[in-house]
Amino acid sequence: MAEHTYAVIGSNCFTGSHLVDRLLEDPSNFVAGFSRSQEKSALFLPYKRRGCDRFKFFQIDLFRQADRLAAFLDELKPRTVIFMAALSEVGLSNFQPIEYFQTNTLGVIQRCHHLKGRRYLERYIHISSAEVYGSCARPLPESAALNPSTPYAVSKAAADLYLMTLFKNFNFPAILIRSTNVYGRHQQLYKIIPRTIIYLKKGERLDLHGGGKAVKTWVHVRDVADGIMRAMEQGRPGEIYHFSDRHSYSIACLVRKICEMMNCEYEASVVPAEERLGEDSQYLLDYSKAEHELGWTPHISFQQGIEETIAWIEENWNGVMGESLVYTHQA
């Protein structure tokens, strides 16, 4: 019988679904998942392979149905709430900033204003973003100044600042997580790694925005899920923890690497495209604090992670072909 209840707000998202899967490994855990969209298929939700009755999904709009979500949480009384819900397509935030602030900032304020007086809550884990720092030339520590360059990044930074005031003024048990680019099996198909693999398999040319010069650091989703688990168990309220990797690659280098792994010619597989508005040149995070305080370090190599993702797409090719490769915004 489940002894501990967790609420994952944003369980339909990539990292959220992997965290649910990780939590369900422990038979003493019950997990409630919340998302404004309908529960996705097993193609995108790794926990579905378990067929587990210790998970229950609730379709709720974080901002528009805030009272309903609050009522569910008070009924469930989760000892830990993990907040992953966000609008995260960075480019779109330049043109629809109101929706981004409603979900990424006001939704957080509504939820935490309610939770701050609830005795059942022991931990509130908030998934932030490396983009709050803006572009950087060296790995940044958690104490680095915020320098967001898009409405998306500003909306995430504003929520982070609010949570820090809650901790200082009310001892709210918030722990903030900031990761670099997360990837792996079950990721949304419009993201750069699965999209590259799919385009190469189809023999189509891939647009390289800005010539693929932007530098990213990728960290595997299972490593991030492990880090979140450690933060729940060992992290200190009021602290921020970074999860990243030591190796960074430009988008062009990433695509070239995937081409090599799939025996495709790079030059024949890409087309230069206009740079995206607000694209930061690179994100670099220093994760030594997570190493020292949580005993966390990335274990899955980039090579292994890409091989797994290629295998996942090949194993599920028929299902993949039935999905869109373009982000569809849900208003």
Protein backbone atom coordinates (compact mmCIF):
# COMPACT_ATOMS: atom_id res chain seq x y z
CA MET A 1 0.00 0.00 0.00
CA ALA A 2 1.28 3.47 -0.88
CA GLU A 3 2.69 5.39 2.08
CA HIS A 4 3.90 8.58 0.39
CA THR A 5 1.94 10.81 -1.98
CA TYR A 6 3.60 12.99 -4.59
CA ALA A 7 1.99 15.54 -6.92
CA VAL A 8 3.70 16.13 -10.26
CA ILE A 9 2.24 19.25 -11.86
CA GLY A 10 3.16 18.93 -15.51
CA SER A 11 3.25 15.12 -15.63
CA ASN A 12 2.61 15.15 -19.39
CA CYS A 13 5.86 16.96 -20.07
CA PHE A 14 9.05 15.15 -21.05
CA THR A 15 10.95 15.38 -17.77
CA GLY A 16 7.77 15.11 -15.72
CA SER A 17 6.82 11.77 -17.28
CA HIS A 18 10.28 10.35 -16.53
CA LEU A 19 10.08 11.56 -12.94
CA VAL A 20 6.69 9.87 -12.54
CA ASP A 21 8.26 6.68 -13.89
CA ARG A 22 11.11 6.98 -11.40
CA LEU A 23 8.78 7.63 -8.46
CA LEU A 24 6.69 4.57 -9.33
CA GLU A 25 9.74 2.34 -8.96
CA ASP A 26 9.09 2.53 -5.21
CA PRO A 27 5.96 0.50 -4.31
CA SER A 28 5.35 2.76 -1.31
CA ASN A 29 4.72 5.81 -3.54
CA PHE A 30 1.45 7.11 -4.94
CA VAL A 31 1.75 9.76 -7.66
CA ALA A 32 -0.90 12.21 -8.82
CA GLY A 33 -0.16 13.79 -12.19
CA PHE A 34 -1.65 17.06 -13.40
CA SER A 35 -1.61 18.65 -16.84
CA ARG A 36 -3.85 20.97 -18.84
CA SER A 37 -3.65 18.65 -21.86
CA GLN A 38 -5.06 15.14 -22.12
CA GLU A 39 -2.78 12.32 -20.99
CA LYS A 40 -0.48 11.38 -23.85
CA SER A 41 0.14 7.97 -25.35
CA ALA A 42 2.77 5.47 -24.22
CA LEU A 43 5.02 6.78 -27.02
CA PHE A 44 5.69 9.84 -24.84
CA LEU A 45 4.96 8.56 -21.33
CA PRO A 46 7.43 5.94 -20.09
CA TYR A 47 5.45 5.22 -16.92
CA LYS A 48 2.57 3.77 -18.95
CA ARG A 49 4.48 0.56 -19.52
CA ARG A 50 4.00 -0.20 -15.81
CA GLY A 51 0.18 -0.26 -15.94
CA CYS A 52 0.37 0.99 -12.37
CA ASP A 53 -2.65 1.71 -10.15
CA ARG A 54 -0.44 3.92 -7.96
CA PHE A 55 -0.66 6.73 -10.53
CA LYS A 56 -3.72 8.86 -11.22
CA PHE A 57 -3.96 11.56 -13.87
CA PHE A 58 -5.99 14.77 -13.60
CA GLN A 59 -6.55 17.09 -16.56
CA ILE A 60 -6.61 20.59 -15.08
CA ASP A 61 -5.63 23.99 -16.43
CA LEU A 62 -3.10 25.40 -13.96
CA PHE A 63 -4.14 29.04 -14.40
CA ARG A 64 -7.85 28.89 -15.35
CA GLN A 65 -8.77 26.12 -12.89
CA ALA A 66 -6.57 27.13 -9.99
CA ASP A 67 -9.28 26.56 -7.36
CA ARG A 68 -9.96 23.04 -8.65
CA LEU A 69 -6.26 22.18 -8.53
CA ALA A 70 -6.02 23.58 -4.99
CA ALA A 71 -8.95 21.42 -3.90
CA PHE A 72 -7.34 18.29 -5.35
CA LEU A 73 -4.06 19.01 -3.58
CA ASP A 74 -5.79 19.58 -0.25
CA GLU A 75 -7.62 16.28 -0.68
CA LEU A 76 -4.48 14.34 -1.65
CA LYS A 77 -2.19 16.09 0.86
CA PRO A 78 1.06 15.31 -0.99
CA ARG A 79 4.18 15.58 1.09
CA THR A 80 6.06 16.71 -2.02
CA VAL A 81 4.85 18.82 -4.92
CA ILE A 82 7.03 18.90 -8.05
CA PHE A 83 6.15 21.78 -10.34
CA MET A 84 7.11 21.20 -13.98
CA ALA A 85 4.22 22.82 -15.84
CA ALA A 86 5.34 25.56 -18.23
CA LEU A 87 4.97 26.99 -21.68
CA SER A 88 8.49 26.44 -22.95
CA GLU A 89 8.66 27.19 -26.68
CA VAL A 90 11.03 30.14 -26.37
CA GLY A 91 10.49 31.76 -29.77
CA LEU A 92 6.72 31.83 -29.43
CA SER A 93 6.96 33.73 -26.15
CA ASN A 94 8.03 36.82 -28.10
CA PHE A 95 4.60 36.93 -29.74
CA GLN A 96 2.32 35.57 -27.01
CA PRO A 97 3.91 36.83 -23.78
CA ILE A 98 0.64 37.14 -21.83
CA GLU A 99 -0.02 33.40 -21.96
CA TYR A 100 3.55 32.67 -20.90
CA PHE A 101 3.30 34.91 -17.85
CA GLN A 102 -0.11 33.50 -16.95
CA THR A 103 1.22 29.93 -16.87
CA ASN A 104 4.88 30.34 -15.94
CA THR A 105 4.53 33.15 -13.40
CA LEU A 106 0.95 33.74 -12.23
CA GLY A 107 0.21 30.02 -12.16
CA VAL A 108 3.16 29.51 -9.83
CA ILE A 109 2.11 32.42 -7.61
CA GLN A 110 -1.45 31.10 -7.33
CA ARG A 111 -0.29 27.61 -6.45
CA CYS A 112 2.37 28.55 -3.92
CA HIS A 113 0.28 31.24 -2.23
CA HIS A 114 -2.20 28.45 -1.51
CA LEU A 115 0.42 25.89 -0.49
CA LYS A 116 2.42 28.10 1.86
CA GLY A 117 -0.07 27.53 4.68
CA ARG A 118 -0.49 23.79 4.19
CA ARG A 119 1.08 21.67 6.90
CA TYR A 120 1.14 18.53 4.76
CA LEU A 121 3.74 20.02 2.41
CA GLU A 122 7.35 19.05 3.20
CA ARG A 123 9.04 19.86 -0.14
CA TYR A 124 8.19 21.99 -3.14
CA ILE A 125 10.49 21.25 -6.09
CA HIS A 126 10.34 23.90 -8.80
CA ILE A 127 11.77 23.25 -12.25
CA SER A 128 13.27 26.49 -13.50
CA SER A 129 15.46 27.00 -16.58
CA ALA A 130 19.05 27.77 -17.54
CA GLU A 131 17.63 30.48 -19.78
CA VAL A 132 17.11 32.79 -16.80
CA TYR A 133 20.85 33.52 -16.97
CA GLY A 134 20.90 34.46 -20.65
CA SER A 135 23.93 33.67 -22.77
CA CYS A 136 27.14 33.04 -20.85
CA ALA A 137 30.82 32.59 -21.67
CA ARG A 138 31.69 30.30 -18.73
CA PRO A 139 29.90 27.81 -16.48
CA LEU A 140 27.76 29.80 -14.06
CA PRO A 141 27.14 28.98 -10.40
CA GLU A 142 23.72 29.15 -8.78
CA SER A 143 24.54 32.60 -7.38
CA ALA A 144 24.99 34.15 -10.86
CA ALA A 145 22.89 37.19 -11.73
CA LEU A 146 19.73 36.66 -13.76
CA ASN A 147 19.86 38.10 -17.26
CA PRO A 148 16.89 36.72 -19.25
CA SER A 149 16.64 37.63 -22.93
CA THR A 150 13.15 36.38 -23.91
CA PRO A 151 9.66 36.68 -22.40
CA TYR A 152 9.85 32.96 -21.64
CA ALA A 153 13.04 33.41 -19.64
CA VAL A 154 11.65 36.48 -17.87
CA SER A 155 8.50 34.57 -16.89
CA LYS A 156 10.62 31.78 -15.39
CA ALA A 157 12.94 34.22 -13.60
CA ALA A 158 9.99 36.11 -12.09
CA ALA A 159 8.57 32.87 -10.66
CA ASP A 160 11.98 31.99 -9.21
CA LEU A 161 12.28 35.37 -7.50
CA TYR A 162 8.80 35.01 -6.04
CA LEU A 163 9.65 31.60 -4.61
CA MET A 164 12.75 32.99 -2.96
CA THR A 165 10.67 35.64 -1.21
CA LEU A 166 8.29 32.93 0.00
CA PHE A 167 11.20 31.03 1.46
CA LYS A 168 12.64 34.12 3.16
CA ASN A 169 9.33 35.44 4.51
CA PHE A 170 7.37 32.25 5.23
CA ASN A 171 10.01 29.49 5.30
CA PHE A 172 8.28 27.95 2.27
CA PRO A 173 10.13 24.67 1.48
CA ALA A 174 11.03 25.54 -2.12
CA ILE A 175 14.00 23.99 -3.91
CA LEU A 176 14.80 25.26 -7.41
CA ILE A 177 16.23 23.11 -10.22
CA ARG A 178 17.93 24.54 -13.32
CA SER A 179 19.15 22.21 -16.05
CA THR A 180 20.69 22.65 -19.44
CA ASN A 181 19.02 21.01 -22.45
CA VAL A 182 17.38 17.71 -21.48
CA TYR A 183 17.05 14.89 -24.03
CA GLY A 184 16.36 11.17 -24.32
CA ARG A 185 13.68 8.62 -25.20
CA HIS A 186 10.05 9.81 -25.27
CA GLN A 187 10.95 13.44 -26.01
CA GLN A 188 8.62 15.66 -28.05
CA LEU A 189 9.38 14.96 -31.71
CA TYR A 190 9.80 18.63 -32.68
CA LYS A 191 12.83 18.98 -30.40
CA ILE A 192 16.18 19.12 -32.19
CA ILE A 193 17.51 15.62 -31.39
CA PRO A 194 14.46 13.48 -32.27
CA ARG A 195 13.59 15.81 -35.17
CA THR A 196 17.09 15.40 -36.64
CA ILE A 197 16.87 11.61 -36.38
CA ILE A 198 13.45 11.56 -38.03
CA TYR A 199 14.47 13.88 -40.88
CA LEU A 200 17.54 11.76 -41.59
CA LYS A 201 15.48 8.56 -41.62
CA LYS A 202 13.03 10.19 -44.03
CA GLY A 203 15.83 11.54 -46.24
CA GLU A 204 14.69 15.13 -45.76
CA ARG A 205 16.89 18.18 -45.16
CA LEU A 206 16.89 19.84 -41.75
CA ASP A 207 16.77 23.62 -41.22
CA LEU A 208 19.77 24.87 -39.21
CA HIS A 209 18.71 28.15 -37.64
CA GLY A 210 21.57 30.63 -37.49
CA GLY A 211 23.73 28.04 -39.22
CA GLY A 212 23.63 25.89 -36.08
CA LYS A 213 26.18 28.10 -34.27
CA ALA A 214 24.36 28.20 -30.92
CA VAL A 215 26.13 26.05 -28.33
CA LYS A 216 24.09 23.78 -26.05
CA THR A 217 24.91 21.43 -23.22
CA TRP A 218 22.74 18.32 -23.15
CA VAL A 219 22.00 16.25 -20.06
CA HIS A 220 20.08 12.98 -20.21
CA VAL A 221 16.55 12.94 -18.82
CA ARG A 222 17.22 9.96 -16.54
CA ASP A 223 20.15 11.81 -15.00
CA VAL A 224 17.90 14.83 -14.41
CA ALA A 225 15.20 12.63 -12.87
CA ASP A 226 17.87 11.17 -10.58
CA GLY A 227 18.96 14.68 -9.61
CA ILE A 228 15.41 15.72 -8.78
CA MET A 229 15.00 12.64 -6.60
CA ARG A 230 18.18 13.53 -4.76
CA ALA A 231 17.04 17.12 -4.33
CA MET A 232 13.77 15.89 -2.79
CA GLU A 233 15.62 13.67 -0.35
CA GLN A 234 18.78 15.66 0.43
CA GLY A 235 18.31 19.19 -0.90
CA ARG A 236 17.97 22.20 1.36
CA PRO A 237 14.93 24.50 1.08
CA GLY A 238 15.81 27.91 -0.31
CA GLU A 239 18.60 26.48 -2.46
CA ILE A 240 19.11 26.19 -6.22
CA TYR A 241 20.76 23.18 -7.86
CA HIS A 242 22.17 22.86 -11.38
CA PHE A 243 22.15 19.69 -13.49
CA SER A 244 24.29 19.68 -16.60
CA ASP A 245 27.25 18.00 -18.30
CA ARG A 246 30.88 18.95 -18.93
CA HIS A 247 30.63 18.64 -22.71
CA SER A 248 28.95 21.21 -24.93
CA TYR A 249 28.25 21.10 -28.68
CA SER A 250 27.01 23.54 -31.25
CA ILE A 251 23.78 22.57 -32.96
CA ALA A 252 25.78 22.00 -36.13
CA CYS A 253 28.16 19.65 -34.30
CA LEU A 254 25.21 17.81 -32.78
CA VAL A 255 23.58 17.28 -36.17
CA ARG A 256 26.92 16.23 -37.69
CA LYS A 257 27.39 13.68 -34.92
CA ILE A 258 23.94 12.21 -35.48
CA CYS A 259 24.62 12.09 -39.23
CA GLU A 260 27.78 10.08 -38.57
CA MET A 261 25.92 7.67 -36.29
CA MET A 262 23.20 7.16 -38.91
CA ASN A 263 25.61 6.98 -41.89
CA CYS A 264 24.24 10.15 -43.52
CA GLU A 265 26.16 12.91 -45.26
CA TYR A 266 25.99 16.11 -43.22
CA GLU A 267 26.19 18.63 -46.08
CA ALA A 268 23.37 16.92 -47.97
CA SER A 269 21.18 16.76 -44.85
CA VAL A 270 21.00 20.40 -43.69
CA VAL A 271 19.85 23.80 -44.95
CA PRO A 272 20.98 27.08 -43.30
CA ALA A 273 18.01 29.07 -41.95
CA GLU A 274 17.42 32.43 -40.29
CA GLU A 275 18.40 32.69 -36.65
CA ARG A 276 15.57 32.48 -34.12
CA LEU A 277 14.61 35.69 -32.31
CA GLY A 278 16.17 35.84 -28.84
CA GLU A 279 18.38 32.77 -29.36
CA ASP A 280 21.16 32.83 -26.74
CA SER A 281 24.59 31.82 -28.02
CA GLN A 282 25.26 29.28 -25.26
CA TYR A 283 24.26 28.06 -21.79
CA LEU A 284 26.88 26.75 -19.39
CA LEU A 285 26.07 25.70 -15.84
CA ASP A 286 28.45 24.79 -13.03
CA TYR A 287 26.92 21.76 -11.26
CA SER A 288 29.60 21.28 -8.57
CA LYS A 289 27.09 22.20 -5.84
CA ALA A 290 24.87 19.25 -6.86
CA GLU A 291 27.96 17.03 -6.82
CA HIS A 292 28.98 18.11 -3.32
CA GLU A 293 25.57 18.38 -1.63
CA LEU A 294 23.53 15.75 -3.46
CA GLY A 295 26.21 13.33 -4.64
CA TRP A 296 24.90 13.84 -8.17
CA THR A 297 26.85 13.55 -11.40
CA PRO A 298 25.72 12.76 -14.95
CA HIS A 299 26.20 9.05 -15.75
CA ILE A 300 24.75 8.61 -19.24
CA SER A 301 27.19 9.64 -21.95
CA PHE A 302 26.04 11.71 -24.90
CA GLN A 303 26.92 8.85 -27.26
CA GLN A 304 24.83 6.39 -25.27
CA GLY A 305 21.94 8.83 -24.96
CA ILE A 306 21.83 9.52 -28.71
CA GLU A 307 22.04 5.80 -29.50
CA GLU A 308 19.08 5.16 -27.17
CA THR A 309 17.06 7.92 -28.81
CA ILE A 310 17.77 6.59 -32.31
CA ALA A 311 16.73 3.10 -31.18
CA TRP A 312 13.52 4.44 -29.60
CA ILE A 313 12.52 6.18 -32.83
CA GLU A 314 13.32 3.12 -34.93
CA GLU A 315 11.38 0.83 -32.57
CA ASN A 316 8.35 3.13 -32.70
CA TRP A 317 8.61 4.31 -36.31
CA ASN A 318 4.98 3.66 -37.24
CA GLY A 319 3.77 5.59 -34.20
CA VAL A 320 6.26 8.38 -34.82
CA MET A 321 5.01 8.80 -38.37
CA GLY A 322 1.51 9.40 -37.03
CA GLU A 323 2.68 12.39 -34.96
CA SER A 324 3.37 16.00 -35.95
CA LEU A 325 6.96 17.24 -36.06
CA VAL A 326 5.80 20.81 -35.47
CA TYR A 327 4.94 22.35 -32.11
CA THR A 328 1.20 23.02 -31.82
CA HIS A 329 0.32 25.72 -29.32
CA GLN A 330 -2.64 25.00 -27.05
CA ALA A 331 -4.32 28.27 -26.09
